[in-house]
PDB file of N, CA and C in Angstrom:
ATOM      1  N   MET A   1      -7.181  17.952  12.094  1.00  0.00           N
ATOM      2  CA  MET A   1      -7.443  16.945  10.973  1.00  0.00           C
ATOM      3  C   MET A   1      -6.500  17.112   9.840  1.00  0.00           C
ATOM      4  N   LEU A   2      -6.307  18.316   9.441  1.00  0.00           N
ATOM      5  CA  LEU A   2      -5.302  18.539   8.282  1.00  0.00           C
ATOM      6  C   LEU A   2      -3.924  18.088   8.716  1.00  0.00           C
ATOM      7  N   ALA A   3      -3.520  18.345   9.895  1.00  0.00           N
ATOM      8  CA  ALA A   3      -2.148  17.659  10.378  1.00  0.00           C
ATOM      9  C   ALA A   3      -2.120  16.205  10.212  1.00  0.00           C
ATOM     10  N   ARG A   4      -3.244  15.608  10.665  1.00  0.00           N
ATOM     11  CA  ARG A   4      -3.356  14.101  10.540  1.00  0.00           C
ATOM     12  C   ARG A   4      -3.168  13.637   9.110  1.00  0.00           C
ATOM     13  N   ARG A   5      -3.876  14.268   8.231  1.00  0.00           N
ATOM     14  CA  ARG A   5      -3.912  13.938   6.819  1.00  0.00           C
ATOM     15  C   ARG A   5      -2.548  14.053   6.139  1.00  0.00           C
ATOM     16  N   LEU A   6      -1.898  15.324   6.516  1.00  0.00           N
ATOM     17  CA  LEU A   6      -0.576  15.441   6.053  1.00  0.00           C
ATOM     18  C   LEU A   6       0.423  14.595   6.549  1.00  0.00           C
ATOM     19  N   PHE A   7       0.332  14.108   7.820  1.00  0.00           N
ATOM     20  CA  PHE A   7       1.163  13.161   8.428  1.00  0.00           C
ATOM     21  C   PHE A   7       0.929  11.851   7.695  1.00  0.00           C
ATOM     22  N   THR A   8      -0.242  11.429   7.358  1.00  0.00           N
ATOM     23  CA  THR A   8      -0.601  10.226   6.613  1.00  0.00           C
ATOM     24  C   THR A   8       0.028  10.304   5.320  1.00  0.00           C
ATOM     25  N   ALA A   9       0.029  11.389   4.621  1.00  0.00           N
ATOM     26  CA  ALA A   9       0.580  11.505   3.262  1.00  0.00           C
ATOM     27  C   ALA A   9       2.068  11.312   3.392  1.00  0.00           C
ATOM     28  N   ALA A  10       2.746  11.834   4.354  1.00  0.00           N
ATOM     29  CA  ALA A  10       4.138  11.732   4.677  1.00  0.00           C
ATOM     30  C   ALA A  10       4.428  10.189   4.922  1.00  0.00           C
ATOM     31  N   LEU A  11       3.663   9.566   5.705  1.00  0.00           N
ATOM     32  CA  LEU A  11       3.891   8.076   5.929  1.00  0.00           C
ATOM     33  C   LEU A  11       3.872   7.316   4.649  1.00  0.00           C
ATOM     34  N   ILE A  12       2.947   7.643   3.787  1.00  0.00           N
ATOM     35  CA  ILE A  12       2.759   6.973   2.539  1.00  0.00           C
ATOM     36  C   ILE A  12       3.979   7.191   1.628  1.00  0.00           C
ATOM     37  N   ALA A  13       4.474   8.328   1.670  1.00  0.00           N
ATOM     38  CA  ALA A  13       5.717   8.660   0.880  1.00  0.00           C
ATOM     39  C   ALA A  13       6.907   7.894   1.444  1.00  0.00           C
ATOM     40  N   ALA A  14       7.004   7.819   2.855  1.00  0.00           N
ATOM     41  CA  ALA A  14       8.129   7.126   3.451  1.00  0.00           C
ATOM     42  C   ALA A  14       8.034   5.679   3.232  1.00  0.00           C
ATOM     43  N   SER A  15       6.807   5.110   3.186  1.00  0.00           N
ATOM     44  CA  SER A  15       6.569   3.657   3.109  1.00  0.00           C
ATOM     45  C   SER A  15       6.981   3.193   1.587  1.00  0.00           C
ATOM     46  N   LEU A  16       6.873   4.075   0.761  1.00  0.00           N
ATOM     47  CA  LEU A  16       7.272   3.866  -0.665  1.00  0.00           C
ATOM     48  C   LEU A  16       8.703   4.120  -1.055  1.00  0.00           C
ATOM     49  N   GLY A  17       9.423   4.488  -0.056  1.00  0.00           N
ATOM     50  CA  GLY A  17      10.821   4.800  -0.201  1.00  0.00           C
ATOM     51  C   GLY A  17      11.132   6.184  -0.677  1.00  0.00           C
ATOM     52  N   ALA A  18      10.087   7.020  -0.728  1.00  0.00           N
ATOM     53  CA  ALA A  18      10.363   8.312  -1.200  1.00  0.00           C
ATOM     54  C   ALA A  18      11.045   9.177  -0.077  1.00  0.00           C
ATOM     55  N   THR A  19      11.832  10.046  -0.564  1.00  0.00           N
ATOM     56  CA  THR A  19      12.582  10.943   0.325  1.00  0.00           C
ATOM     57  C   THR A  19      11.927  12.306   0.245  1.00  0.00           C
ATOM     58  N   LEU A  20      11.495  12.822   1.451  1.00  0.00           N
ATOM     59  CA  LEU A  20      10.681  14.028   1.418  1.00  0.00           C
ATOM     60  C   LEU A  20      11.909  15.243   1.461  1.00  0.00           C
ATOM     61  N   GLY A  21      12.018  15.862   0.422  1.00  0.00           N
ATOM     62  CA  GLY A  21      12.894  17.027   0.341  1.00  0.00           C
ATOM     63  C   GLY A  21      12.054  18.278   0.151  1.00  0.00           C
ATOM     64  N   ALA A  22      12.512  19.220  -0.557  1.00  0.00           N
ATOM     65  CA  ALA A  22      11.879  20.426  -0.817  1.00  0.00           C
ATOM     66  C   ALA A  22      10.601  20.219  -1.580  1.00  0.00           C
ATOM     67  N   THR A  23      10.476  19.349  -2.515  1.00  0.00           N
ATOM     68  CA  THR A  23       9.320  18.985  -3.276  1.00  0.00           C
ATOM     69  C   THR A  23       8.304  18.489  -2.265  1.00  0.00           C
ATOM     70  N   GLY A  24       8.687  17.562  -1.371  1.00  0.00           N
ATOM     71  CA  GLY A  24       7.673  16.990  -0.435  1.00  0.00           C
ATOM     72  C   GLY A  24       7.139  17.993   0.406  1.00  0.00           C
ATOM     73  N   LEU A  25       7.946  18.988   0.881  1.00  0.00           N
ATOM     74  CA  LEU A  25       7.390  20.055   1.750  1.00  0.00           C
ATOM     75  C   LEU A  25       6.476  20.883   0.966  1.00  0.00           C
ATOM     76  N   ALA A  26       6.695  21.246  -0.275  1.00  0.00           N
ATOM     77  CA  ALA A  26       5.783  21.936  -1.115  1.00  0.00           C
ATOM     78  C   ALA A  26       4.486  21.184  -1.214  1.00  0.00           C
ATOM     79  N   SER A  27       4.535  19.848  -1.301  1.00  0.00           N
ATOM     80  CA  SER A  27       3.257  19.065  -1.344  1.00  0.00           C
ATOM     81  C   SER A  27       2.552  19.283   0.025  1.00  0.00           C
ATOM     82  N   ALA A  28       3.163  19.216   1.119  1.00  0.00           N
ATOM     83  CA  ALA A  28       2.556  19.404   2.410  1.00  0.00           C
ATOM     84  C   ALA A  28       1.871  20.731   2.559  1.00  0.00           C
ATOM     85  N   ALA A  29       2.399  21.742   1.783  1.00  0.00           N
ATOM     86  CA  ALA A  29       1.777  23.081   1.910  1.00  0.00           C
ATOM     87  C   ALA A  29       0.637  23.266   0.978  1.00  0.00           C
ATOM     88  N   ALA A  30       0.341  22.303   0.072  1.00  0.00           N
ATOM     89  CA  ALA A  30      -0.710  22.391  -0.815  1.00  0.00           C
ATOM     90  C   ALA A  30      -2.090  22.264  -0.033  1.00  0.00           C
ATOM     91  N   PRO A  31      -3.118  22.785  -0.791  1.00  0.00           N
ATOM     92  CA  PRO A  31      -4.479  22.695  -0.028  1.00  0.00           C
ATOM     93  C   PRO A  31      -4.796  21.236   0.186  1.00  0.00           C
ATOM     94  N   GLU A  32      -5.557  20.899   1.237  1.00  0.00           N
ATOM     95  CA  GLU A  32      -5.914  19.561   1.591  1.00  0.00           C
ATOM     96  C   GLU A  32      -6.412  18.788   0.377  1.00  0.00           C
ATOM     97  N   GLY A  33      -5.826  17.587   0.172  1.00  0.00           N
ATOM     98  CA  GLY A  33      -6.231  16.712  -1.013  1.00  0.00           C
ATOM     99  C   GLY A  33      -5.626  17.075  -2.228  1.00  0.00           C
ATOM    100  N   GLN A  34      -5.084  18.236  -2.481  1.00  0.00           N
ATOM    101  CA  GLN A  34      -4.413  18.634  -3.696  1.00  0.00           C
ATOM    102  C   GLN A  34      -2.973  18.473  -3.645  1.00  0.00           C
ATOM    103  N   SER A  35      -2.391  17.840  -4.602  1.00  0.00           N
ATOM    104  CA  SER A  35      -0.922  17.638  -4.694  1.00  0.00           C
ATOM    105  C   SER A  35      -0.096  18.760  -5.298  1.00  0.00           C
ATOM    106  N   ARG A  36       1.237  18.698  -5.193  1.00  0.00           N
ATOM    107  CA  ARG A  36       1.921  19.766  -5.790  1.00  0.00           C
ATOM    108  C   ARG A  36       1.754  19.847  -7.291  1.00  0.00           C
ATOM    109  N   ASP A  37       1.244  18.812  -7.934  1.00  0.00           N
ATOM    110  CA  ASP A  37       1.081  18.674  -9.369  1.00  0.00           C
ATOM    111  C   ASP A  37      -0.270  19.340  -9.716  1.00  0.00           C
ATOM    112  N   GLY A  38      -1.046  19.706  -8.678  1.00  0.00           N
ATOM    113  CA  GLY A  38      -2.403  20.276  -8.904  1.00  0.00           C
ATOM    114  C   GLY A  38      -3.546  19.287  -8.952  1.00  0.00           C
ATOM    115  N   GLN A  39      -3.247  18.002  -8.943  1.00  0.00           N
ATOM    116  CA  GLN A  39      -4.220  16.892  -8.965  1.00  0.00           C
ATOM    117  C   GLN A  39      -4.857  16.818  -7.676  1.00  0.00           C
ATOM    118  N   ASN A  40      -6.147  16.481  -7.511  1.00  0.00           N
ATOM    119  CA  ASN A  40      -6.942  16.269  -6.269  1.00  0.00           C
ATOM    120  C   ASN A  40      -6.909  14.845  -6.093  1.00  0.00           C
ATOM    121  N   ARG A  41      -6.341  14.369  -5.041  1.00  0.00           N
ATOM    122  CA  ARG A  41      -6.226  12.883  -4.761  1.00  0.00           C
ATOM    123  C   ARG A  41      -7.023  12.637  -3.466  1.00  0.00           C
ATOM    124  N   ARG A  42      -8.005  13.555  -3.010  1.00  0.00           N
ATOM    125  CA  ARG A  42      -8.822  13.243  -1.921  1.00  0.00           C
ATOM    126  C   ARG A  42     -10.039  12.506  -2.238  1.00  0.00           C
ATOM    127  N   VAL A  43     -10.315  11.326  -1.620  1.00  0.00           N
ATOM    128  CA  VAL A  43     -11.318  10.410  -1.966  1.00  0.00           C
ATOM    129  C   VAL A  43     -12.093  10.109  -0.690  1.00  0.00           C
ATOM    130  N   ARG A  44     -13.407  10.048  -0.817  1.00  0.00           N
ATOM    131  CA  ARG A  44     -14.333   9.659   0.354  1.00  0.00           C
ATOM    132  C   ARG A  44     -14.602   8.261   0.071  1.00  0.00           C
ATOM    133  N   VAL A  45     -14.083   7.373   0.984  1.00  0.00           N
ATOM    134  CA  VAL A  45     -14.299   5.900   0.862  1.00  0.00           C
ATOM    135  C   VAL A  45     -15.595   5.536   1.751  1.00  0.00           C
ATOM    136  N   HIS A  46     -16.523   4.894   1.022  1.00  0.00           N
ATOM    137  CA  HIS A  46     -17.708   4.516   1.681  1.00  0.00           C
ATOM    138  C   HIS A  46     -17.750   2.957   1.844  1.00  0.00           C
ATOM    139  N   ASN A  47     -17.876   2.544   3.071  1.00  0.00           N
ATOM    140  CA  ASN A  47     -17.832   1.122   3.502  1.00  0.00           C
ATOM    141  C   ASN A  47     -19.203   0.595   3.335  1.00  0.00           C
ATOM    142  N   GLN A  48     -19.470  -0.122   2.259  1.00  0.00           N
ATOM    143  CA  GLN A  48     -20.646  -0.841   1.923  1.00  0.00           C
ATOM    144  C   GLN A  48     -20.482  -2.406   2.001  1.00  0.00           C
ATOM    145  N   THR A  49     -19.492  -2.899   2.822  1.00  0.00           N
ATOM    146  CA  THR A  49     -19.130  -4.293   2.834  1.00  0.00           C
ATOM    147  C   THR A  49     -20.073  -5.119   3.724  1.00  0.00           C
ATOM    148  N   GLY A  50     -20.708  -4.474   4.728  1.00  0.00           N
ATOM    149  CA  GLY A  50     -21.585  -5.095   5.668  1.00  0.00           C
ATOM    150  C   GLY A  50     -20.871  -5.484   6.899  1.00  0.00           C
ATOM    151  N   VAL A  51     -19.553  -5.173   6.998  1.00  0.00           N
ATOM    152  CA  VAL A  51     -18.767  -5.334   8.175  1.00  0.00           C
ATOM    153  C   VAL A  51     -17.802  -4.010   8.366  1.00  0.00           C
ATOM    154  N   VAL A  52     -17.156  -4.027   9.529  1.00  0.00           N
ATOM    155  CA  VAL A  52     -16.329  -2.888   9.849  1.00  0.00           C
ATOM    156  C   VAL A  52     -15.070  -2.888   8.973  1.00  0.00           C
ATOM    157  N   LEU A  53     -14.649  -1.763   8.362  1.00  0.00           N
ATOM    158  CA  LEU A  53     -13.420  -1.626   7.586  1.00  0.00           C
ATOM    159  C   LEU A  53     -12.373  -1.320   8.689  1.00  0.00           C
ATOM    160  N   GLN A  54     -11.429  -2.186   8.866  1.00  0.00           N
ATOM    161  CA  GLN A  54     -10.389  -2.040   9.925  1.00  0.00           C
ATOM    162  C   GLN A  54      -9.161  -1.279   9.444  1.00  0.00           C
ATOM    163  N   LYS A  55      -8.735  -1.475   8.274  1.00  0.00           N
ATOM    164  CA  LYS A  55      -7.575  -0.990   7.659  1.00  0.00           C
ATOM    165  C   LYS A  55      -7.686  -0.751   6.172  1.00  0.00           C
ATOM    166  N   LEU A  56      -7.117   0.333   5.636  1.00  0.00           N
ATOM    167  CA  LEU A  56      -7.165   0.654   4.274  1.00  0.00           C
ATOM    168  C   LEU A  56      -5.600   1.125   3.813  1.00  0.00           C
ATOM    169  N   GLN A  57      -5.123   0.440   2.766  1.00  0.00           N
ATOM    170  CA  GLN A  57      -3.836   0.741   2.245  1.00  0.00           C
ATOM    171  C   GLN A  57      -3.865   1.060   0.781  1.00  0.00           C
ATOM    172  N   ALA A  58      -2.868   1.882   0.271  1.00  0.00           N
ATOM    173  CA  ALA A  58      -2.919   2.164  -1.248  1.00  0.00           C
ATOM    174  C   ALA A  58      -1.452   1.793  -1.692  1.00  0.00           C
ATOM    175  N   ALA A  59      -1.465   1.349  -2.909  1.00  0.00           N
ATOM    176  CA  ALA A  59      -0.111   1.135  -3.608  1.00  0.00           C
ATOM    177  C   ALA A  59      -0.116   1.774  -4.941  1.00  0.00           C
ATOM    178  N   ASP A  60       0.762   2.660  -5.333  1.00  0.00           N
ATOM    179  CA  ASP A  60       0.920   3.068  -6.686  1.00  0.00           C
ATOM    180  C   ASP A  60       1.213   1.981  -7.612  1.00  0.00           C
ATOM    181  N   VAL A  61       0.310   1.801  -8.552  1.00  0.00           N
ATOM    182  CA  VAL A  61       0.474   0.651  -9.462  1.00  0.00           C
ATOM    183  C   VAL A  61       1.907   0.574 -10.017  1.00  0.00           C
ATOM    184  N   ARG A  62       2.656   1.571 -10.091  1.00  0.00           N
ATOM    185  CA  ARG A  62       4.061   1.560 -10.572  1.00  0.00           C
ATOM    186  C   ARG A  62       4.963   0.870  -9.704  1.00  0.00           C
ATOM    187  N   THR A  63       4.826   0.787  -8.447  1.00  0.00           N
ATOM    188  CA  THR A  63       5.649   0.195  -7.422  1.00  0.00           C
ATOM    189  C   THR A  63       5.094  -1.128  -6.807  1.00  0.00           C
ATOM    190  N   GLY A  64       3.674  -1.062  -6.623  1.00  0.00           N
ATOM    191  CA  GLY A  64       3.077  -2.229  -5.995  1.00  0.00           C
ATOM    192  C   GLY A  64       3.334  -2.363  -4.447  1.00  0.00           C
ATOM    193  N   GLU A  65       3.857  -1.358  -3.899  1.00  0.00           N
ATOM    194  CA  GLU A  65       4.180  -1.323  -2.424  1.00  0.00           C
ATOM    195  C   GLU A  65       3.054  -0.618  -1.686  1.00  0.00           C
ATOM    196  N   PHE A  66       2.473  -1.410  -0.742  1.00  0.00           N
ATOM    197  CA  PHE A  66       1.352  -0.706  -0.067  1.00  0.00           C
ATOM    198  C   PHE A  66       1.897   0.132   1.126  1.00  0.00           C
ATOM    199  N   SER A  67       1.090   1.108   1.311  1.00  0.00           N
ATOM    200  CA  SER A  67       1.337   2.251   2.340  1.00  0.00           C
ATOM    201  C   SER A  67       1.002   1.786   3.699  1.00  0.00           C
ATOM    202  N   GLY A  68       1.109   2.583   4.679  1.00  0.00           N
ATOM    203  CA  GLY A  68       0.560   2.297   6.010  1.00  0.00           C
ATOM    204  C   GLY A  68      -0.961   2.439   5.886  1.00  0.00           C
ATOM    205  N   ASP A  69      -1.544   2.385   7.068  1.00  0.00           N
ATOM    206  CA  ASP A  69      -3.018   2.532   7.140  1.00  0.00           C
ATOM    207  C   ASP A  69      -3.515   3.905   6.924  1.00  0.00           C
ATOM    208  N   LEU A  70      -4.247   4.174   5.818  1.00  0.00           N
ATOM    209  CA  LEU A  70      -4.927   5.376   5.495  1.00  0.00           C
ATOM    210  C   LEU A  70      -5.899   5.902   6.493  1.00  0.00           C
ATOM    211  N   LEU A  71      -6.427   4.921   7.300  1.00  0.00           N
ATOM    212  CA  LEU A  71      -7.452   5.288   8.200  1.00  0.00           C
ATOM    213  C   LEU A  71      -6.852   5.731   9.519  1.00  0.00           C
ATOM    214  N   GLY A  72      -5.549   5.658   9.718  1.00  0.00           N
ATOM    215  CA  GLY A  72      -4.948   6.157  10.851  1.00  0.00           C
ATOM    216  C   GLY A  72      -5.311   5.425  12.073  1.00  0.00           C
ATOM    217  N   GLY A  73      -5.705   4.141  11.963  1.00  0.00           N
ATOM    218  CA  GLY A  73      -6.101   3.306  13.158  1.00  0.00           C
ATOM    219  C   GLY A  73      -7.600   3.513  13.600  1.00  0.00           C
ATOM    220  N   SER A  74      -8.410   4.295  12.654  1.00  0.00           N
ATOM    221  CA  SER A  74      -9.824   4.566  13.170  1.00  0.00           C
ATOM    222  C   SER A  74     -10.671   3.852  12.133  1.00  0.00           C
ATOM    223  N   PRO A  75     -11.251   2.631  12.562  1.00  0.00           N
ATOM    224  CA  PRO A  75     -12.020   1.794  11.768  1.00  0.00           C
ATOM    225  C   PRO A  75     -13.363   2.586  11.325  1.00  0.00           C
ATOM    226  N   VAL A  76     -13.851   2.147  10.225  1.00  0.00           N
ATOM    227  CA  VAL A  76     -14.987   2.712   9.534  1.00  0.00           C
ATOM    228  C   VAL A  76     -16.140   1.664   9.565  1.00  0.00           C
ATOM    229  N   ALA A  77     -17.164   2.167  10.302  1.00  0.00           N
ATOM    230  CA  ALA A  77     -18.421   1.157  10.458  1.00  0.00           C
ATOM    231  C   ALA A  77     -19.044   0.954   9.085  1.00  0.00           C
ATOM    232  N   THR A  78     -19.770  -0.140   8.967  1.00  0.00           N
ATOM    233  CA  THR A  78     -20.491  -0.374   7.711  1.00  0.00           C
ATOM    234  C   THR A  78     -21.541   0.762   7.546  1.00  0.00           C
ATOM    235  N   GLY A  79     -21.761   1.146   6.329  1.00  0.00           N
ATOM    236  CA  GLY A  79     -22.630   2.212   5.984  1.00  0.00           C
ATOM    237  C   GLY A  79     -22.106   3.680   6.303  1.00  0.00           C
ATOM    238  N   SER A  80     -20.830   3.719   6.885  1.00  0.00           N
ATOM    239  CA  SER A  80     -20.168   5.016   7.041  1.00  0.00           C
ATOM    240  C   SER A  80     -19.190   5.310   5.915  1.00  0.00           C
ATOM    241  N   SER A  81     -18.559   6.433   5.992  1.00  0.00           N
ATOM    242  CA  SER A  81     -17.541   6.837   5.011  1.00  0.00           C
ATOM    243  C   SER A  81     -16.570   7.728   5.730  1.00  0.00           C
ATOM    244  N   THR A  82     -15.385   7.827   5.058  1.00  0.00           N
ATOM    245  CA  THR A  82     -14.314   8.732   5.571  1.00  0.00           C
ATOM    246  C   THR A  82     -13.533   9.233   4.425  1.00  0.00           C
ATOM    247  N   PRO A  83     -13.101  10.518   4.536  1.00  0.00           N
ATOM    248  CA  PRO A  83     -12.220  10.980   3.402  1.00  0.00           C
ATOM    249  C   PRO A  83     -10.784  10.661   3.762  1.00  0.00           C
ATOM    250  N   VAL A  84     -10.053  10.304   2.581  1.00  0.00           N
ATOM    251  CA  VAL A  84      -8.590   9.971   2.648  1.00  0.00           C
ATOM    252  C   VAL A  84      -7.965  10.617   1.493  1.00  0.00           C
ATOM    253  N   THR A  85      -6.716  11.070   1.701  1.00  0.00           N
ATOM    254  CA  THR A  85      -5.854  11.562   0.570  1.00  0.00           C
ATOM    255  C   THR A  85      -4.854  10.579   0.236  1.00  0.00           C
ATOM    256  N   ILE A  86      -4.958  10.024  -0.965  1.00  0.00           N
ATOM    257  CA  ILE A  86      -4.136   9.029  -1.521  1.00  0.00           C
ATOM    258  C   ILE A  86      -3.082   9.642  -2.392  1.00  0.00           C
ATOM    259  N   ASP A  87      -1.886   9.865  -1.823  1.00  0.00           N
ATOM    260  CA  ASP A  87      -0.742  10.569  -2.607  1.00  0.00           C
ATOM    261  C   ASP A  87       0.622  10.234  -2.007  1.00  0.00           C
ATOM    262  N   ASP A  88       1.485   9.605  -2.815  1.00  0.00           N
ATOM    263  CA  ASP A  88       2.775   9.223  -2.281  1.00  0.00           C
ATOM    264  C   ASP A  88       3.729  10.285  -2.690  1.00  0.00           C
ATOM    265  N   GLY A  89       3.349  11.344  -3.293  1.00  0.00           N
ATOM    266  CA  GLY A  89       4.144  12.484  -3.805  1.00  0.00           C
ATOM    267  C   GLY A  89       5.020  12.139  -5.057  1.00  0.00           C
ATOM    268  N   GLN A  90       4.613  10.992  -5.759  1.00  0.00           N
ATOM    269  CA  GLN A  90       5.396  10.751  -7.029  1.00  0.00           C
ATOM    270  C   GLN A  90       4.584  11.088  -8.252  1.00  0.00           C
ATOM    271  N   GLY A  91       3.346  11.676  -8.137  1.00  0.00           N
ATOM    272  CA  GLY A  91       2.698  12.097  -9.155  1.00  0.00           C
ATOM    273  C   GLY A  91       1.838  11.092  -9.932  1.00  0.00           C
ATOM    274  N   GLY A  92       1.691   9.888  -9.403  1.00  0.00           N
ATOM    275  CA  GLY A  92       0.777   8.943  -9.904  1.00  0.00           C
ATOM    276  C   GLY A  92      -0.678   9.181  -9.554  1.00  0.00           C
ATOM    277  N   CYS A  93      -1.515   8.608 -10.421  1.00  0.00           N
ATOM    278  CA  CYS A  93      -3.007   8.599 -10.131  1.00  0.00           C
ATOM    279  C   CYS A  93      -3.581   7.161  -9.882  1.00  0.00           C
ATOM    280  N   LEU A  94      -2.946   6.208 -10.471  1.00  0.00           N
ATOM    281  CA  LEU A  94      -3.484   4.836 -10.479  1.00  0.00           C
ATOM    282  C   LEU A  94      -2.968   4.145  -9.183  1.00  0.00           C
ATOM    283  N   TYR A  95      -3.908   3.718  -8.370  1.00  0.00           N
ATOM    284  CA  TYR A  95      -3.538   3.010  -7.197  1.00  0.00           C
ATOM    285  C   TYR A  95      -4.263   1.795  -6.947  1.00  0.00           C
ATOM    286  N   ASP A  96      -3.675   0.729  -6.325  1.00  0.00           N
ATOM    287  CA  ASP A  96      -4.383  -0.387  -5.959  1.00  0.00           C
ATOM    288  C   ASP A  96      -4.778  -0.131  -4.511  1.00  0.00           C
ATOM    289  N   LEU A  97      -5.976  -0.554  -4.039  1.00  0.00           N
ATOM    290  CA  LEU A  97      -6.287  -0.369  -2.659  1.00  0.00           C
ATOM    291  C   LEU A  97      -6.446  -1.800  -1.998  1.00  0.00           C
ATOM    292  N   ARG A  98      -6.039  -1.865  -0.798  1.00  0.00           N
ATOM    293  CA  ARG A  98      -6.159  -3.139  -0.054  1.00  0.00           C
ATOM    294  C   ARG A  98      -6.857  -2.776   1.329  1.00  0.00           C
ATOM    295  N   ALA A  99      -8.033  -3.434   1.446  1.00  0.00           N
ATOM    296  CA  ALA A  99      -8.938  -3.234   2.715  1.00  0.00           C
ATOM    297  C   ALA A  99      -8.909  -4.473   3.439  1.00  0.00           C
ATOM    298  N   GLU A 100      -8.711  -4.235   4.789  1.00  0.00           N
ATOM    299  CA  GLU A 100      -8.831  -5.327   5.687  1.00  0.00           C
ATOM    300  C   GLU A 100     -10.023  -5.122   6.554  1.00  0.00           C
ATOM    301  N   LEU A 101     -10.884  -6.156   6.597  1.00  0.00           N
ATOM    302  CA  LEU A 101     -12.280  -6.091   7.222  1.00  0.00           C
ATOM    303  C   LEU A 101     -12.207  -6.821   8.506  1.00  0.00           C
ATOM    304  N   ALA A 102     -13.114  -6.440   9.436  1.00  0.00           N
ATOM    305  CA  ALA A 102     -13.423  -7.268  10.577  1.00  0.00           C
ATOM    306  C   ALA A 102     -13.707  -8.653  10.210  1.00  0.00           C
ATOM    307  N   GLY A 103     -13.094  -9.711  10.954  1.00  0.00           N
ATOM    308  CA  GLY A 103     -13.254 -11.045  10.675  1.00  0.00           C
ATOM    309  C   GLY A 103     -12.107 -11.586   9.816  1.00  0.00           C
ATOM    310  N   GLY A 104     -11.231 -10.752   9.311  1.00  0.00           N
ATOM    311  CA  GLY A 104     -10.038 -11.058   8.697  1.00  0.00           C
ATOM    312  C   GLY A 104     -10.007 -11.188   7.224  1.00  0.00           C
ATOM    313  N   GLN A 105     -11.174 -10.811   6.581  1.00  0.00           N
ATOM    314  CA  GLN A 105     -11.173 -10.837   5.074  1.00  0.00           C
ATOM    315  C   GLN A 105     -10.425  -9.635   4.605  1.00  0.00           C
ATOM    316  N   THR A 106      -9.710  -9.876   3.494  1.00  0.00           N
ATOM    317  CA  THR A 106      -8.977  -8.765   2.752  1.00  0.00           C
ATOM    318  C   THR A 106      -9.415  -8.589   1.372  1.00  0.00           C
ATOM    319  N   LEU A 107      -9.794  -7.366   1.003  1.00  0.00           N
ATOM    320  CA  LEU A 107     -10.218  -7.103  -0.352  1.00  0.00           C
ATOM    321  C   LEU A 107      -9.184  -6.283  -1.080  1.00  0.00           C
ATOM    322  N   VAL A 108      -8.848  -6.536  -2.336  1.00  0.00           N
ATOM    323  CA  VAL A 108      -7.990  -5.747  -3.165  1.00  0.00           C
ATOM    324  C   VAL A 108      -8.753  -5.311  -4.356  1.00  0.00           C
ATOM    325  N   ARG A 109      -8.560  -3.969  -4.626  1.00  0.00           N
ATOM    326  CA  ARG A 109      -9.170  -3.443  -5.728  1.00  0.00           C
ATOM    327  C   ARG A 109      -8.065  -2.698  -6.570  1.00  0.00           C
ATOM    328  N   GLU A 110      -7.976  -3.003  -7.946  1.00  0.00           N
ATOM    329  CA  GLU A 110      -6.846  -2.533  -8.628  1.00  0.00           C
ATOM    330  C   GLU A 110      -7.190  -1.425  -9.621  1.00  0.00           C
ATOM    331  N   ASN A 111      -6.198  -0.662  -9.902  1.00  0.00           N
ATOM    332  CA  ASN A 111      -6.199   0.490 -10.938  1.00  0.00           C
ATOM    333  C   ASN A 111      -7.383   1.509 -10.621  1.00  0.00           C
ATOM    334  N   ILE A 112      -7.415   2.007  -9.406  1.00  0.00           N
ATOM    335  CA  ILE A 112      -8.342   2.967  -9.127  1.00  0.00           C
ATOM    336  C   ILE A 112      -7.730   4.394  -9.322  1.00  0.00           C
ATOM    337  N   ASN A 113      -8.353   5.199 -10.335  1.00  0.00           N
ATOM    338  CA  ASN A 113      -7.764   6.461 -10.641  1.00  0.00           C
ATOM    339  C   ASN A 113      -8.201   7.480  -9.611  1.00  0.00           C
ATOM    340  N   VAL A 114      -7.420   7.772  -8.555  1.00  0.00           N
ATOM    341  CA  VAL A 114      -7.810   8.596  -7.488  1.00  0.00           C
ATOM    342  C   VAL A 114      -7.778  10.141  -7.859  1.00  0.00           C
ATOM    343  N   CYS A 115      -7.263  10.351  -9.133  1.00  0.00           N
ATOM    344  CA  CYS A 115      -7.364  11.856  -9.644  1.00  0.00           C
ATOM    345  C   CYS A 115      -8.722  12.091 -10.289  1.00  0.00           C
ATOM    346  N   ARG A 116      -9.462  11.134 -10.548  1.00  0.00           N
ATOM    347  CA  ARG A 116     -10.741  11.338 -11.321  1.00  0.00           C
ATOM    348  C   ARG A 116     -11.928  11.023 -10.523  1.00  0.00           C
ATOM    349  N   ILE A 117     -11.788  10.515  -9.337  1.00  0.00           N
ATOM    350  CA  ILE A 117     -13.017  10.158  -8.520  1.00  0.00           C
ATOM    351  C   ILE A 117     -13.011  10.959  -7.178  1.00  0.00           C
ATOM    352  N   ALA A 118     -14.157  11.270  -6.708  1.00  0.00           N
ATOM    353  CA  ALA A 118     -14.248  11.899  -5.431  1.00  0.00           C
ATOM    354  C   ALA A 118     -14.866  10.944  -4.317  1.00  0.00           C
ATOM    355  N   ASP A 119     -15.441   9.851  -4.891  1.00  0.00           N
ATOM    356  CA  ASP A 119     -16.055   8.868  -3.890  1.00  0.00           C
ATOM    357  C   ASP A 119     -15.702   7.535  -4.395  1.00  0.00           C
ATOM    358  N   TYR A 120     -15.487   6.575  -3.490  1.00  0.00           N
ATOM    359  CA  TYR A 120     -15.215   5.167  -3.851  1.00  0.00           C
ATOM    360  C   TYR A 120     -16.006   4.288  -2.900  1.00  0.00           C
ATOM    361  N   TYR A 121     -16.784   3.462  -3.442  1.00  0.00           N
ATOM    362  CA  TYR A 121     -17.691   2.505  -2.703  1.00  0.00           C
ATOM    363  C   TYR A 121     -17.187   1.219  -2.661  1.00  0.00           C
ATOM    364  N   LEU A 122     -16.658   0.817  -1.418  1.00  0.00           N
ATOM    365  CA  LEU A 122     -16.094  -0.413  -1.205  1.00  0.00           C
ATOM    366  C   LEU A 122     -17.244  -1.484  -0.905  1.00  0.00           C
ATOM    367  N   THR A 123     -17.220  -2.546  -1.727  1.00  0.00           N
ATOM    368  CA  THR A 123     -18.184  -3.661  -1.563  1.00  0.00           C
ATOM    369  C   THR A 123     -17.474  -4.993  -1.637  1.00  0.00           C
ATOM    370  N   ARG A 124     -18.220  -5.945  -1.096  1.00  0.00           N
ATOM    371  CA  ARG A 124     -17.611  -7.416  -1.160  1.00  0.00           C
ATOM    372  C   ARG A 124     -18.097  -8.059  -2.359  1.00  0.00           C
TER     373      ARG A 124
END
């Protein structure tokens, strides 16, 4: 599970154009959810939309570029939750979230401070 989360973090960094060098490797060696800057960016996402959450992406508000699927292709049933680490390796805390739901609806939530929350409740 840790390897999957670290892989997801690396995908986010790659999708935002970040180059993983020595600092990226240091980030990968940090405790799960904690970045090399010491901030905890691990968030439990609670699906309270009434439908299956198919895909979840994050974009650092400074770039606006959305990551790959933070769920790793594993949908989240309504009423369920899953932990994700939202960290592109660039030291930001403010992210926009984009959720794709079963049935094709897309929800965007802006300016979520992932360094200050442990739980995020996704609703329609």
